[in-house]
Amino acid sequence: MTGSFKHYRAFQIDPDGHVFGCINLVCDNDEQAKREAAALVLVHRIELWRLDQRIAKFDAPQELARH
C-alpha cells in the first residue's frame, strides 16, 4: 500500500524544559521524520514523538543555548 504516511510531532522545548511549541510533521518513516526534526533545531531543543512514543531528541547547539 503506497502513501502510508505517519504523523509525528516535533515539540519545541525551552531551556527550563517546558514545551512552548509543536510542529506537526507527516513523513514516510522515522528516518525522514528525524531528518526534518533535526533541521528544526535552531536555538531550542526538539523532541520528536509519534503517538505516545519519543522517537528522538535533538539538543540545541551549546554555543547558542548560552546566549
Protein backbone atom coordinates (compact mmCIF):
# COMPACT_ATOMS: atom_id res chain seq x y z
CA MET A 1 0.00 0.00 0.00
CA THR A 2 1.51 3.30 -1.04
CA GLY A 3 1.07 6.63 0.64
CA SER A 4 1.00 5.28 4.19
CA PHE A 5 2.21 8.47 5.82
CA LYS A 6 2.93 8.63 9.52
CA HIS A 7 2.13 11.58 11.71
CA TYR A 8 4.75 12.96 14.08
CA ARG A 9 5.01 15.92 16.44
CA ALA A 10 8.17 17.92 16.97
CA PHE A 11 7.93 19.66 20.33
CA GLN A 12 9.97 22.82 20.90
CA ILE A 13 11.37 22.85 24.44
CA ASP A 14 12.70 25.91 26.22
CA PRO A 15 15.82 25.91 28.46
CA ASP A 16 13.62 25.26 31.52
CA GLY A 17 12.26 22.08 29.95
CA HIS A 18 8.81 23.45 29.10
CA VAL A 19 7.12 22.76 25.78
CA PHE A 20 6.33 26.07 24.09
CA GLY A 21 5.53 24.95 20.57
CA CYS A 22 4.59 21.95 18.48
CA ILE A 23 5.18 21.35 14.80
CA ASN A 24 3.20 18.62 13.07
CA LEU A 25 5.17 16.53 10.61
CA VAL A 26 3.86 13.99 8.12
CA CYS A 27 6.61 11.68 6.91
CA ASP A 28 7.12 8.32 5.22
CA ASN A 29 9.13 6.85 8.09
CA ASP A 30 11.06 7.54 11.27
CA GLU A 31 14.28 8.36 9.44
CA GLN A 32 12.67 11.10 7.37
CA ALA A 33 10.97 12.46 10.48
CA LYS A 34 14.31 12.54 12.32
CA ARG A 35 15.94 14.50 9.48
CA GLU A 36 13.10 17.02 9.41
CA ALA A 37 13.06 17.39 13.21
CA ALA A 38 16.85 17.85 13.34
CA ALA A 39 16.53 20.65 10.79
CA LEU A 40 14.14 22.46 13.17
CA VAL A 41 16.79 22.82 15.88
CA LEU A 42 17.85 26.46 15.84
CA VAL A 43 18.02 27.71 19.40
CA HIS A 44 15.80 25.31 21.35
CA ARG A 45 15.76 21.58 21.94
CA ILE A 46 13.39 19.48 19.83
CA GLU A 47 11.76 16.21 20.83
CA LEU A 48 10.23 14.07 18.09
CA TRP A 49 7.19 11.99 19.06
CA ARG A 50 4.92 9.58 17.25
CA LEU A 51 1.76 8.91 19.22
CA ASP A 52 2.97 8.30 22.80
CA GLN A 53 6.50 7.22 21.84
CA ARG A 54 9.50 9.52 21.77
CA ILE A 55 11.43 8.77 18.59
CA ALA A 56 14.38 11.11 19.07
CA LYS A 57 15.70 14.11 20.97
CA PHE A 58 17.80 16.86 19.40
CA ASP A 59 19.67 19.25 21.65
CA ALA A 60 20.31 22.86 20.74
CA PRO A 61 23.91 23.76 19.90
CA GLN A 62 25.64 24.64 23.15
CA GLU A 63 27.11 27.91 21.87
CA LEU A 64 23.61 29.16 21.05
CA ALA A 65 21.99 27.84 24.21
CA ARG A 66 24.18 30.08 26.41
CA HIS A 67 23.00 33.38 24.89
